[in-house]
Protein backbone atom coordinates (compact mmCIF):
# COMPACT_ATOMS: atom_id res chain seq x y z
CA MET A 1 121.36 99.99 120.13
CA ARG A 2 123.97 102.41 118.80
CA VAL A 3 125.70 101.59 115.53
CA CYS A 4 129.35 102.60 115.54
CA LYS A 5 130.64 104.59 112.64
CA MET A 6 132.50 102.68 109.98
CA ILE A 7 135.74 104.46 110.90
CA GLU A 8 135.43 103.12 114.45
CA GLN A 9 135.13 99.51 113.33
CA SER A 10 137.15 96.97 111.42
CA ILE A 11 135.58 95.58 108.26
CA THR A 12 135.10 92.26 110.05
CA ASP A 13 133.31 93.92 112.98
CA TYR A 14 131.00 95.81 110.64
CA LEU A 15 130.17 92.67 108.66
CA ASP A 16 129.52 90.74 111.88
CA GLN A 17 127.07 93.44 112.89
CA LEU A 18 125.51 93.53 109.42
CA GLN A 19 124.89 89.79 109.35
CA SER A 20 123.30 89.66 112.80
CA LYS A 21 119.57 89.03 113.10
CA GLU A 22 119.06 92.35 114.88
CA GLY A 23 118.82 93.95 111.42
CA LEU A 24 120.74 97.04 112.47
CA PRO A 25 122.62 98.09 110.37
CA GLY A 26 120.85 96.83 107.26
CA GLY A 27 120.75 97.35 103.52
CA GLY A 28 120.62 101.13 103.73
CA SER A 29 123.78 101.37 105.80
CA ALA A 30 125.51 98.81 103.56
CA THR A 31 124.56 100.93 100.54
CA ALA A 32 126.48 103.87 102.00
CA ILE A 33 129.52 101.65 102.58
CA ILE A 34 129.50 100.67 98.91
CA GLY A 35 129.34 104.37 98.03
CA ALA A 36 132.32 105.04 100.30
CA MET A 37 134.25 102.25 98.56
CA SER A 38 133.48 103.77 95.17
CA SER A 39 134.68 107.15 96.44
CA ALA A 40 137.88 105.57 97.70
CA LEU A 41 138.54 103.93 94.33
CA SER A 42 138.15 107.25 92.48
CA HIS A 43 140.57 108.80 94.98
CA MET A 44 143.08 105.99 94.52
CA VAL A 45 143.05 106.24 90.72
CA SER A 46 143.48 110.03 90.82
CA ASP A 47 146.25 109.86 93.41
CA ILE A 48 148.24 107.37 91.32
CA GLN A 49 147.88 109.39 88.12
CA LYS A 50 148.42 112.95 89.37
CA ASP A 51 152.22 112.77 89.60
CA LYS A 52 152.80 110.85 86.39
CA LYS A 53 154.69 112.71 83.72
CA ASN A 54 152.09 112.06 81.01
CA PHE A 55 149.30 113.54 83.13
CA GLN A 56 150.81 116.83 84.27
CA ALA A 57 148.34 118.71 82.07
CA TYR A 58 145.58 117.17 84.20
CA LYS A 59 147.27 117.58 87.59
CA ASN A 60 144.90 120.32 88.80
CA ASP A 61 141.86 118.34 87.65
CA LEU A 62 143.11 115.21 89.40
CA GLU A 63 143.82 117.11 92.61
CA GLU A 64 140.27 118.50 92.53
CA ILE A 65 138.92 114.96 92.12
CA LEU A 66 141.02 113.92 95.13
CA ARG A 67 139.51 116.67 97.27
CA GLU A 68 135.95 115.92 96.20
CA ALA A 69 136.32 112.15 96.53
CA LYS A 70 137.54 112.57 100.10
CA LYS A 71 134.52 114.73 100.96
CA ILE A 72 132.08 112.30 99.37
CA ARG A 73 133.62 109.32 101.14
CA ALA A 74 133.36 111.12 104.49
CA ARG A 75 129.71 111.94 103.81
CA PHE A 76 128.94 108.31 102.97
CA GLU A 77 130.55 107.17 106.21
CA VAL A 78 128.23 109.49 108.16
CA LEU A 79 125.22 108.42 106.09
CA SER A 80 125.96 104.78 106.88
CA GLU A 81 125.28 105.46 110.54
CA GLU A 82 122.46 107.95 109.92
CA ASP A 83 120.59 105.41 107.79
CA ALA A 84 121.02 102.68 110.37
CA MET A 85 119.37 104.89 113.00
CA ALA A 86 116.81 106.62 110.74
CA PHE A 87 114.01 104.09 111.23
CA GLU A 88 114.14 104.23 115.01
CA PRO A 89 111.60 107.12 115.29
CA VAL A 90 109.23 105.14 113.05
CA SER A 91 109.53 102.06 115.26
CA LYS A 92 108.80 104.15 118.32
CA ALA A 93 105.82 105.81 116.63
CA TYR A 94 104.25 102.43 115.82
CA LYS A 95 104.33 101.61 119.54
CA LEU A 96 102.36 104.73 120.53
CA PRO A 97 98.84 104.18 121.95
CA LYS A 98 95.89 104.36 119.56
CA GLU A 99 92.91 103.82 121.80
CA THR A 100 91.31 107.25 121.21
CA ASP A 101 90.87 109.31 118.06
CA GLU A 102 93.39 111.85 119.33
CA GLN A 103 95.94 109.18 120.17
CA ASN A 104 95.44 107.55 116.78
CA ARG A 105 95.86 110.90 115.01
CA ASN A 106 99.03 111.71 116.99
CA ARG A 107 100.39 108.24 116.30
CA GLN A 108 99.80 108.55 112.56
CA GLU A 109 101.42 112.00 112.46
CA ALA A 110 104.45 110.61 114.29
CA ILE A 111 104.67 107.69 111.85
CA GLU A 112 104.46 110.01 108.82
CA SER A 113 107.09 112.33 110.29
CA GLY A 114 109.37 109.39 111.05
CA LEU A 115 109.00 107.94 107.55
CA LYS A 116 109.82 111.28 105.93
CA GLY A 117 112.93 111.40 108.09
CA ALA A 118 113.86 107.83 107.18
CA VAL A 119 113.75 108.72 103.48
CA GLN A 120 116.33 111.49 103.87
CA PRO A 121 119.53 109.37 104.23
CA PRO A 122 118.93 107.35 101.03
CA LEU A 123 118.00 110.52 99.13
CA GLU A 124 121.23 112.10 100.37
CA MET A 125 123.12 109.01 99.23
CA MET A 126 121.65 109.45 95.76
CA LYS A 127 122.73 113.11 95.65
CA GLU A 128 126.26 112.21 96.77
CA THR A 129 126.39 109.41 94.20
CA LEU A 130 125.55 111.85 91.40
CA LYS A 131 128.56 113.93 92.46
CA LEU A 132 130.66 110.77 92.53
CA ILE A 133 129.57 109.70 89.06
CA ASP A 134 130.61 113.12 87.79
CA LEU A 135 134.10 112.50 89.23
CA TYR A 136 134.29 109.26 87.25
CA LYS A 137 133.12 111.16 84.20
CA GLU A 138 136.09 113.51 84.63
CA LEU A 139 138.45 110.54 85.01
CA ARG A 140 137.04 109.08 81.80
CA LYS A 141 137.91 112.27 79.91
CA ILE A 142 141.58 111.89 80.81
CA ASP A 143 141.94 108.62 78.87
CA ILE A 144 143.94 106.82 81.54
CA LYS A 145 145.78 103.76 80.26
CA GLY A 146 146.61 100.36 81.71
CA SER A 147 145.08 97.88 84.14
CA ILE A 148 144.05 100.69 86.48
CA VAL A 149 141.10 101.27 84.13
CA ASN A 150 139.64 98.17 85.77
CA ASP A 151 139.49 100.12 89.04
CA ILE A 152 137.53 102.85 87.26
CA ALA A 153 135.14 100.20 85.92
CA VAL A 154 134.65 98.62 89.34
CA GLY A 155 134.25 102.05 90.93
CA ILE A 156 131.54 103.17 88.53
CA LEU A 157 129.71 99.85 89.01
CA PHE A 158 129.83 100.43 92.76
CA ALA A 159 128.49 103.95 92.22
CA LYS A 160 125.60 102.71 90.10
CA THR A 161 124.83 100.01 92.68
CA THR A 162 124.80 102.68 95.39
CA LEU A 163 122.39 104.80 93.35
CA GLN A 164 120.01 101.93 92.63
CA SER A 165 120.12 100.52 96.17
CA ALA A 166 119.49 103.94 97.71
CA TYR A 167 116.49 104.37 95.40
CA LEU A 168 115.04 101.08 96.65
CA ASN A 169 115.55 102.31 100.20
CA VAL A 170 113.58 105.44 99.32
CA LEU A 171 110.71 103.34 97.99
CA VAL A 172 110.57 100.98 100.95
CA ASN A 173 109.96 103.97 103.22
CA THR A 174 107.60 105.98 101.00
CA ASP A 175 105.46 102.87 100.58
CA PHE A 176 104.05 103.46 104.08
CA ILE A 177 103.51 107.23 103.74
CA LYS A 178 99.79 107.92 103.50
CA ASN A 179 100.06 111.57 102.42
CA GLU A 180 99.95 111.03 98.66
CA SER A 181 101.44 114.39 97.67
CA ILE A 182 104.47 113.93 99.95
CA LYS A 183 104.85 110.32 98.82
CA LEU A 184 104.82 111.30 95.13
CA GLU A 185 107.21 114.20 95.70
CA LEU A 186 109.80 112.03 97.43
CA GLU A 187 109.47 109.19 94.93
CA GLY A 188 109.69 111.62 92.02
CA LEU A 189 112.87 113.14 93.41
CA GLY A 190 114.43 109.72 93.85
CA ASN A 191 113.43 108.66 90.35
CA ALA A 192 114.92 111.82 88.84
CA TYR A 193 118.23 111.16 90.60
CA LEU A 194 118.12 107.53 89.45
CA VAL A 195 117.51 108.26 85.77
CA GLN A 196 120.11 111.01 85.69
CA GLY A 197 122.81 108.88 87.31
CA GLU A 198 122.13 105.62 85.48
CA VAL A 199 122.58 107.20 82.05
CA LYS A 200 125.99 108.62 82.97
CA ALA A 201 127.14 105.52 84.83
CA ASP A 202 126.16 103.20 81.98
CA GLN A 203 128.13 105.29 79.48
CA ILE A 204 131.24 105.35 81.66
CA TYR A 205 131.06 101.61 82.32
CA ALA A 206 130.56 100.84 78.62
CA ASP A 207 133.61 102.94 77.78
CA THR A 208 135.81 101.31 80.42
CA LYS A 209 134.71 97.84 79.32
CA TYR A 210 135.50 98.78 75.71
CA TYR A 211 139.00 99.83 76.79
CA LEU A 212 139.60 96.63 78.76
CA VAL A 213 138.53 94.52 75.76
CA HIS A 214 140.20 96.50 72.97
CA LYS A 215 143.07 98.23 74.85
CA LYS A 216 141.93 101.60 73.51
CA TRP A 217 139.22 104.07 74.40
CA PRO A 218 136.17 104.58 72.20
CA VAL A 219 135.64 108.04 70.76
CA LEU A 220 134.12 110.23 73.50
CA GLY A 221 130.36 110.38 73.21
CA GLU A 222 130.08 107.06 71.40
CA ARG A 223 128.81 104.04 73.29
CA GLY A 224 131.38 101.42 74.15
CA VAL A 225 130.74 97.68 74.11
CA LYS A 226 128.31 96.12 76.53
């Protein structure tokens, strides 16, 4: 079964497909959609602010965020489909014959290869999310005012959710990899991305929440309210 790209479907069609018992797409594909939504929110905030009189000093920065957010969103859209199809080689490998030692060895090699391939989309999502979190970090530095800060808060929460969900999707695939060195390498890479992104995302969210509660930004570098 071929999963259509997000841009070829309505939201309703995608959700209908997601909720079906076929399980394709699943949580990995949905993770990428959340990442795309976060990218879109960062783009929207930047686009609204870039032409405002009070933000002309940041116009070039905001235009750069617009360009990067568009690229990241496009990558997430592709990853949504790639993740949905990534487990197919693994499924096929499990169906290979295993009656002889050679067949069993070939089957296991195919399974391992398929699992390593299935880990790549969620790892790529984590890498893209780190770029996205950095865009939100740049937006935070600008000290944007008003209710639009809520969109920054929601966007960074979406980004953190994308990061954490993609990490879980890494683990669910590495769990079946028997080569311990490859398993540890992939899990270590995912964990490094996770730790790096969570620290930044938590700081940005705390700051935006502080602003929404107190109607002013905390001093940069100091933790906002939780």
